[in-house]
């Protein structure tokens, strides 16, 4: 009987360990990027990027990224301000958050389909995308393998897009936004 108890304890401990990555990782923003493409008048596309974001993967494999929406850079200061005020409404919703519980194999080298939540503008939306994971100079790099397309309606941003279109006197601003993500993590100390 004692051998059976020892074996049961061993199985429980093994199962608990299988859900852990056993290593924590901190995001290195200087070697990472989060950007999007905005298209206006059906033919002019521009790349915008966020300069401030932070994140981590804890020892249990929980990934969390926080993006400061006030840090969006469009190369035109007045446009930055208009997007912050009328689209993101950063006085109320200053950040966007990406989070998910990774499976153990999601951090191994290769291509993985990962499901995750994006919380933005008071709305939480479940998404999934193909990510490529590889190691470089002791860092873990997670990058989109195929483009991620965000629908502004999924986050209640349609009125903000319409307001920006009217202010800038544009014919149109696309309601679909391609996003690019490259995340570089190093092991936590």
C-alpha atoms as a PDB file:
ATOM      1  CA  UNK A   1       0.000   0.000   0.000  1.00  0.00           C
ATOM      2  CA  UNK A   2       2.744   2.587   0.772  1.00  0.00           C
ATOM      3  CA  UNK A   3       4.266   1.982  -2.683  1.00  0.00           C
ATOM      4  CA  UNK A   4       0.917   2.814  -4.256  1.00  0.00           C
ATOM      5  CA  UNK A   5       0.742   6.098  -2.293  1.00  0.00           C
ATOM      6  CA  UNK A   6       4.310   7.020  -3.305  1.00  0.00           C
ATOM      7  CA  UNK A   7       3.479   6.259  -6.938  1.00  0.00           C
ATOM      8  CA  UNK A   8       0.292   8.397  -6.755  1.00  0.00           C
ATOM      9  CA  UNK A   9       2.259  11.309  -5.268  1.00  0.00           C
ATOM     10  CA  UNK A  10       4.859  10.915  -8.043  1.00  0.00           C
ATOM     11  CA  UNK A  11       2.134  11.070 -10.713  1.00  0.00           C
ATOM     12  CA  UNK A  12       0.585  14.198  -9.164  1.00  0.00           C
ATOM     13  CA  UNK A  13       3.974  15.947  -8.954  1.00  0.00           C
ATOM     14  CA  UNK A  14       4.811  14.981 -12.533  1.00  0.00           C
ATOM     15  CA  UNK A  15       1.461  16.317 -13.775  1.00  0.00           C
ATOM     16  CA  UNK A  16       1.996  19.602 -11.926  1.00  0.00           C
ATOM     17  CA  UNK A  17       5.485  19.987 -13.397  1.00  0.00           C
ATOM     18  CA  UNK A  18       4.231  19.377 -16.935  1.00  0.00           C
ATOM     19  CA  UNK A  19       2.211  22.614 -16.778  1.00  0.00           C
ATOM     20  CA  UNK A  20       5.251  24.704 -15.913  1.00  0.00           C
ATOM     21  CA  UNK A  21       7.871  26.087 -18.246  1.00  0.00           C
ATOM     22  CA  UNK A  22      10.153  26.040 -15.158  1.00  0.00           C
ATOM     23  CA  UNK A  23      11.635  29.324 -16.354  1.00  0.00           C
ATOM     24  CA  UNK A  24      10.376  32.884 -16.250  1.00  0.00           C
ATOM     25  CA  UNK A  25      11.027  35.220 -19.165  1.00  0.00           C
ATOM     26  CA  UNK A  26      11.044  39.049 -19.329  1.00  0.00           C
ATOM     27  CA  UNK A  27      10.271  40.973 -22.511  1.00  0.00           C
ATOM     28  CA  UNK A  28      13.139  42.983 -24.014  1.00  0.00           C
ATOM     29  CA  UNK A  29      11.325  45.911 -25.677  1.00  0.00           C
ATOM     30  CA  UNK A  30      14.500  47.190 -27.349  1.00  0.00           C
ATOM     31  CA  UNK A  31      14.609  43.960 -29.422  1.00  0.00           C
ATOM     32  CA  UNK A  32      10.836  43.693 -29.916  1.00  0.00           C
ATOM     33  CA  UNK A  33       8.227  45.493 -31.975  1.00  0.00           C
ATOM     34  CA  UNK A  34       4.470  45.858 -32.156  1.00  0.00           C
ATOM     35  CA  UNK A  35       3.250  47.646 -35.262  1.00  0.00           C
ATOM     36  CA  UNK A  36       0.185  48.002 -37.450  1.00  0.00           C
ATOM     37  CA  UNK A  37      -0.690  49.096 -40.970  1.00  0.00           C
ATOM     38  CA  UNK A  38      -3.335  51.759 -41.533  1.00  0.00           C
ATOM     39  CA  UNK A  39      -4.783  52.239 -45.010  1.00  0.00           C
ATOM     40  CA  UNK A  40      -6.594  55.405 -46.051  1.00  0.00           C
ATOM     41  CA  UNK A  41      -8.422  56.306 -49.266  1.00  0.00           C
ATOM     42  CA  UNK A  42      -8.162  52.634 -50.320  1.00  0.00           C
ATOM     43  CA  UNK A  43      -4.606  53.061 -51.615  1.00  0.00           C
ATOM     44  CA  UNK A  44      -2.277  54.737 -49.098  1.00  0.00           C
ATOM     45  CA  UNK A  45      -0.885  52.427 -46.407  1.00  0.00           C
ATOM     46  CA  UNK A  46       1.353  53.530 -43.539  1.00  0.00           C
ATOM     47  CA  UNK A  47       3.143  51.652 -40.775  1.00  0.00           C
ATOM     48  CA  UNK A  48       2.548  52.845 -37.204  1.00  0.00           C
ATOM     49  CA  UNK A  49       4.329  51.396 -34.186  1.00  0.00           C
ATOM     50  CA  UNK A  50       4.107  51.418 -30.401  1.00  0.00           C
ATOM     51  CA  UNK A  51       7.233  52.517 -28.546  1.00  0.00           C
ATOM     52  CA  UNK A  52       6.226  51.555 -24.989  1.00  0.00           C
ATOM     53  CA  UNK A  53       5.200  48.061 -23.961  1.00  0.00           C
ATOM     54  CA  UNK A  54       6.222  45.491 -21.373  1.00  0.00           C
ATOM     55  CA  UNK A  55       5.602  41.834 -20.755  1.00  0.00           C
ATOM     56  CA  UNK A  56       6.620  38.520 -19.307  1.00  0.00           C
ATOM     57  CA  UNK A  57       6.062  34.779 -19.346  1.00  0.00           C
ATOM     58  CA  UNK A  58       5.933  33.346 -15.843  1.00  0.00           C
ATOM     59  CA  UNK A  59       7.181  29.922 -14.755  1.00  0.00           C
ATOM     60  CA  UNK A  60       3.673  28.487 -15.284  1.00  0.00           C
ATOM     61  CA  UNK A  61       3.653  29.650 -18.921  1.00  0.00           C
ATOM     62  CA  UNK A  62       1.300  32.624 -18.521  1.00  0.00           C
ATOM     63  CA  UNK A  63       2.147  35.268 -21.133  1.00  0.00           C
ATOM     64  CA  UNK A  64       1.175  38.881 -20.477  1.00  0.00           C
ATOM     65  CA  UNK A  65       1.909  41.960 -22.637  1.00  0.00           C
ATOM     66  CA  UNK A  66       0.806  45.505 -21.790  1.00  0.00           C
ATOM     67  CA  UNK A  67       0.899  48.136 -24.555  1.00  0.00           C
ATOM     68  CA  UNK A  68       0.816  51.868 -23.753  1.00  0.00           C
ATOM     69  CA  UNK A  69      -1.617  53.187 -26.381  1.00  0.00           C
ATOM     70  CA  UNK A  70      -0.305  56.734 -25.877  1.00  0.00           C
ATOM     71  CA  UNK A  71       2.996  55.540 -27.347  1.00  0.00           C
ATOM     72  CA  UNK A  72       1.650  54.985 -30.890  1.00  0.00           C
ATOM     73  CA  UNK A  73       3.951  56.739 -33.366  1.00  0.00           C
ATOM     74  CA  UNK A  74       2.578  57.711 -36.776  1.00  0.00           C
ATOM     75  CA  UNK A  75       5.310  60.246 -37.701  1.00  0.00           C
ATOM     76  CA  UNK A  76       2.725  63.061 -37.500  1.00  0.00           C
ATOM     77  CA  UNK A  77       2.284  64.456 -33.939  1.00  0.00           C
ATOM     78  CA  UNK A  78      -1.231  65.853 -34.485  1.00  0.00           C
ATOM     79  CA  UNK A  79      -2.352  62.492 -35.895  1.00  0.00           C
ATOM     80  CA  UNK A  80      -0.877  60.746 -32.824  1.00  0.00           C
ATOM     81  CA  UNK A  81      -2.978  63.030 -30.604  1.00  0.00           C
ATOM     82  CA  UNK A  82      -6.140  62.513 -32.654  1.00  0.00           C
ATOM     83  CA  UNK A  83      -5.795  58.731 -32.572  1.00  0.00           C
ATOM     84  CA  UNK A  84      -5.191  58.797 -28.805  1.00  0.00           C
ATOM     85  CA  UNK A  85      -8.212  61.049 -28.206  1.00  0.00           C
ATOM     86  CA  UNK A  86     -10.792  59.881 -30.750  1.00  0.00           C
ATOM     87  CA  UNK A  87      -9.908  56.245 -31.515  1.00  0.00           C
ATOM     88  CA  UNK A  88      -8.245  54.696 -28.461  1.00  0.00           C
ATOM     89  CA  UNK A  89      -9.760  57.197 -25.974  1.00  0.00           C
ATOM     90  CA  UNK A  90      -6.610  56.853 -23.885  1.00  0.00           C
ATOM     91  CA  UNK A  91      -7.909  59.114 -21.121  1.00  0.00           C
ATOM     92  CA  UNK A  92     -10.281  56.221 -20.294  1.00  0.00           C
ATOM     93  CA  UNK A  93      -8.490  53.204 -21.858  1.00  0.00           C
ATOM     94  CA  UNK A  94      -4.716  53.898 -21.716  1.00  0.00           C
ATOM     95  CA  UNK A  95      -3.509  50.359 -22.416  1.00  0.00           C
ATOM     96  CA  UNK A  96      -4.163  47.272 -24.498  1.00  0.00           C
ATOM     97  CA  UNK A  97      -3.330  43.901 -22.983  1.00  0.00           C
ATOM     98  CA  UNK A  98      -2.504  40.580 -24.603  1.00  0.00           C
ATOM     99  CA  UNK A  99      -2.530  37.500 -22.402  1.00  0.00           C
ATOM    100  CA  UNK A 100      -2.774  33.744 -22.579  1.00  0.00           C
ATOM    101  CA  UNK A 101      -1.863  30.548 -20.795  1.00  0.00           C
ATOM    102  CA  UNK A 102       0.723  28.907 -23.048  1.00  0.00           C
ATOM    103  CA  UNK A 103       0.905  25.154 -23.397  1.00  0.00           C
ATOM    104  CA  UNK A 104       4.269  23.611 -22.580  1.00  0.00           C
ATOM    105  CA  UNK A 105       5.128  22.989 -26.254  1.00  0.00           C
ATOM    106  CA  UNK A 106       4.216  26.568 -27.293  1.00  0.00           C
ATOM    107  CA  UNK A 107       7.693  27.738 -26.236  1.00  0.00           C
ATOM    108  CA  UNK A 108       9.576  25.056 -28.167  1.00  0.00           C
ATOM    109  CA  UNK A 109      11.205  26.000 -31.477  1.00  0.00           C
ATOM    110  CA  UNK A 110       8.789  25.835 -34.394  1.00  0.00           C
ATOM    111  CA  UNK A 111       5.430  27.180 -35.551  1.00  0.00           C
ATOM    112  CA  UNK A 112       2.524  27.085 -33.116  1.00  0.00           C
ATOM    113  CA  UNK A 113      -1.103  28.180 -33.292  1.00  0.00           C
ATOM    114  CA  UNK A 114      -1.691  30.125 -30.086  1.00  0.00           C
ATOM    115  CA  UNK A 115      -5.023  31.328 -28.771  1.00  0.00           C
ATOM    116  CA  UNK A 116      -4.930  34.561 -26.745  1.00  0.00           C
ATOM    117  CA  UNK A 117      -7.077  37.388 -25.398  1.00  0.00           C
ATOM    118  CA  UNK A 118      -6.718  41.030 -26.384  1.00  0.00           C
ATOM    119  CA  UNK A 119      -8.270  43.513 -23.951  1.00  0.00           C
ATOM    120  CA  UNK A 120      -8.656  46.947 -25.511  1.00  0.00           C
ATOM    121  CA  UNK A 121     -11.123  49.821 -25.331  1.00  0.00           C
ATOM    122  CA  UNK A 122     -13.139  48.049 -22.625  1.00  0.00           C
ATOM    123  CA  UNK A 123     -13.620  44.940 -24.773  1.00  0.00           C
ATOM    124  CA  UNK A 124     -12.001  41.512 -24.505  1.00  0.00           C
ATOM    125  CA  UNK A 125     -11.704  39.495 -27.709  1.00  0.00           C
ATOM    126  CA  UNK A 126     -10.335  35.967 -28.123  1.00  0.00           C
ATOM    127  CA  UNK A 127      -8.056  35.535 -31.133  1.00  0.00           C
ATOM    128  CA  UNK A 128      -5.648  32.967 -32.494  1.00  0.00           C
ATOM    129  CA  UNK A 129      -2.635  33.236 -34.762  1.00  0.00           C
ATOM    130  CA  UNK A 130       0.354  31.272 -35.988  1.00  0.00           C
ATOM    131  CA  UNK A 131       3.553  32.219 -34.189  1.00  0.00           C
ATOM    132  CA  UNK A 132       7.111  31.135 -34.910  1.00  0.00           C
ATOM    133  CA  UNK A 133       9.271  30.509 -31.847  1.00  0.00           C
ATOM    134  CA  UNK A 134      13.061  30.256 -31.944  1.00  0.00           C
ATOM    135  CA  UNK A 135      16.077  30.923 -29.791  1.00  0.00           C
ATOM    136  CA  UNK A 136      18.698  33.525 -30.589  1.00  0.00           C
ATOM    137  CA  UNK A 137      21.693  34.382 -28.391  1.00  0.00           C
ATOM    138  CA  UNK A 138      20.016  32.776 -25.358  1.00  0.00           C
ATOM    139  CA  UNK A 139      16.790  34.730 -25.933  1.00  0.00           C
ATOM    140  CA  UNK A 140      13.367  33.333 -26.797  1.00  0.00           C
ATOM    141  CA  UNK A 141      11.872  35.070 -29.866  1.00  0.00           C
ATOM    142  CA  UNK A 142       8.144  34.826 -30.606  1.00  0.00           C
ATOM    143  CA  UNK A 143       7.029  36.377 -33.885  1.00  0.00           C
ATOM    144  CA  UNK A 144       3.942  36.156 -36.049  1.00  0.00           C
ATOM    145  CA  UNK A 145       4.341  33.496 -38.732  1.00  0.00           C
ATOM    146  CA  UNK A 146       1.377  34.828 -40.726  1.00  0.00           C
ATOM    147  CA  UNK A 147      -0.191  38.303 -40.512  1.00  0.00           C
ATOM    148  CA  UNK A 148      -2.756  38.979 -37.795  1.00  0.00           C
ATOM    149  CA  UNK A 149      -5.770  40.949 -39.021  1.00  0.00           C
ATOM    150  CA  UNK A 150      -7.702  42.934 -36.404  1.00  0.00           C
ATOM    151  CA  UNK A 151     -11.296  43.994 -37.120  1.00  0.00           C
ATOM    152  CA  UNK A 152     -11.954  47.364 -35.445  1.00  0.00           C
ATOM    153  CA  UNK A 153     -15.589  46.358 -34.826  1.00  0.00           C
ATOM    154  CA  UNK A 154     -14.353  43.608 -32.474  1.00  0.00           C
ATOM    155  CA  UNK A 155     -13.218  46.360 -30.088  1.00  0.00           C
ATOM    156  CA  UNK A 156     -15.968  48.939 -30.647  1.00  0.00           C
ATOM    157  CA  UNK A 157     -13.646  51.299 -32.536  1.00  0.00           C
ATOM    158  CA  UNK A 158     -15.830  52.021 -35.591  1.00  0.00           C
ATOM    159  CA  UNK A 159     -17.014  55.445 -34.372  1.00  0.00           C
ATOM    160  CA  UNK A 160     -13.432  56.473 -33.650  1.00  0.00           C
ATOM    161  CA  UNK A 161     -12.406  55.540 -37.204  1.00  0.00           C
ATOM    162  CA  UNK A 162     -15.341  57.527 -38.619  1.00  0.00           C
ATOM    163  CA  UNK A 163     -14.394  60.552 -36.489  1.00  0.00           C
ATOM    164  CA  UNK A 164     -10.766  60.408 -37.666  1.00  0.00           C
ATOM    165  CA  UNK A 165     -11.902  60.085 -41.285  1.00  0.00           C
ATOM    166  CA  UNK A 166     -14.101  63.184 -40.962  1.00  0.00           C
ATOM    167  CA  UNK A 167     -11.451  65.271 -39.151  1.00  0.00           C
ATOM    168  CA  UNK A 168      -8.822  64.456 -41.802  1.00  0.00           C
ATOM    169  CA  UNK A 169     -11.364  64.828 -44.648  1.00  0.00           C
ATOM    170  CA  UNK A 170     -10.523  61.387 -46.042  1.00  0.00           C
ATOM    171  CA  UNK A 171     -12.648  59.235 -48.323  1.00  0.00           C
ATOM    172  CA  UNK A 172     -12.021  56.167 -46.164  1.00  0.00           C
ATOM    173  CA  UNK A 173      -9.939  54.499 -43.460  1.00  0.00           C
ATOM    174  CA  UNK A 174      -9.941  50.703 -43.515  1.00  0.00           C
ATOM    175  CA  UNK A 175     -11.776  48.897 -40.711  1.00  0.00           C
ATOM    176  CA  UNK A 176      -9.332  45.973 -40.932  1.00  0.00           C
ATOM    177  CA  UNK A 177      -5.834  46.460 -39.560  1.00  0.00           C
ATOM    178  CA  UNK A 178      -2.886  44.111 -40.174  1.00  0.00           C
ATOM    179  CA  UNK A 179      -0.707  43.810 -37.061  1.00  0.00           C
ATOM    180  CA  UNK A 180       2.890  42.638 -36.766  1.00  0.00           C
ATOM    181  CA  UNK A 181       4.377  41.362 -33.506  1.00  0.00           C
ATOM    182  CA  UNK A 182       7.984  40.415 -32.716  1.00  0.00           C
ATOM    183  CA  UNK A 183       8.630  39.645 -29.035  1.00  0.00           C
ATOM    184  CA  UNK A 184      12.100  38.915 -27.657  1.00  0.00           C
ATOM    185  CA  UNK A 185      12.344  37.522 -24.128  1.00  0.00           C
ATOM    186  CA  UNK A 186      15.343  36.805 -21.944  1.00  0.00           C
ATOM    187  CA  UNK A 187      15.427  34.545 -18.928  1.00  0.00           C
ATOM    188  CA  UNK A 188      14.483  36.240 -15.665  1.00  0.00           C
ATOM    189  CA  UNK A 189      17.108  36.289 -12.974  1.00  0.00           C
END
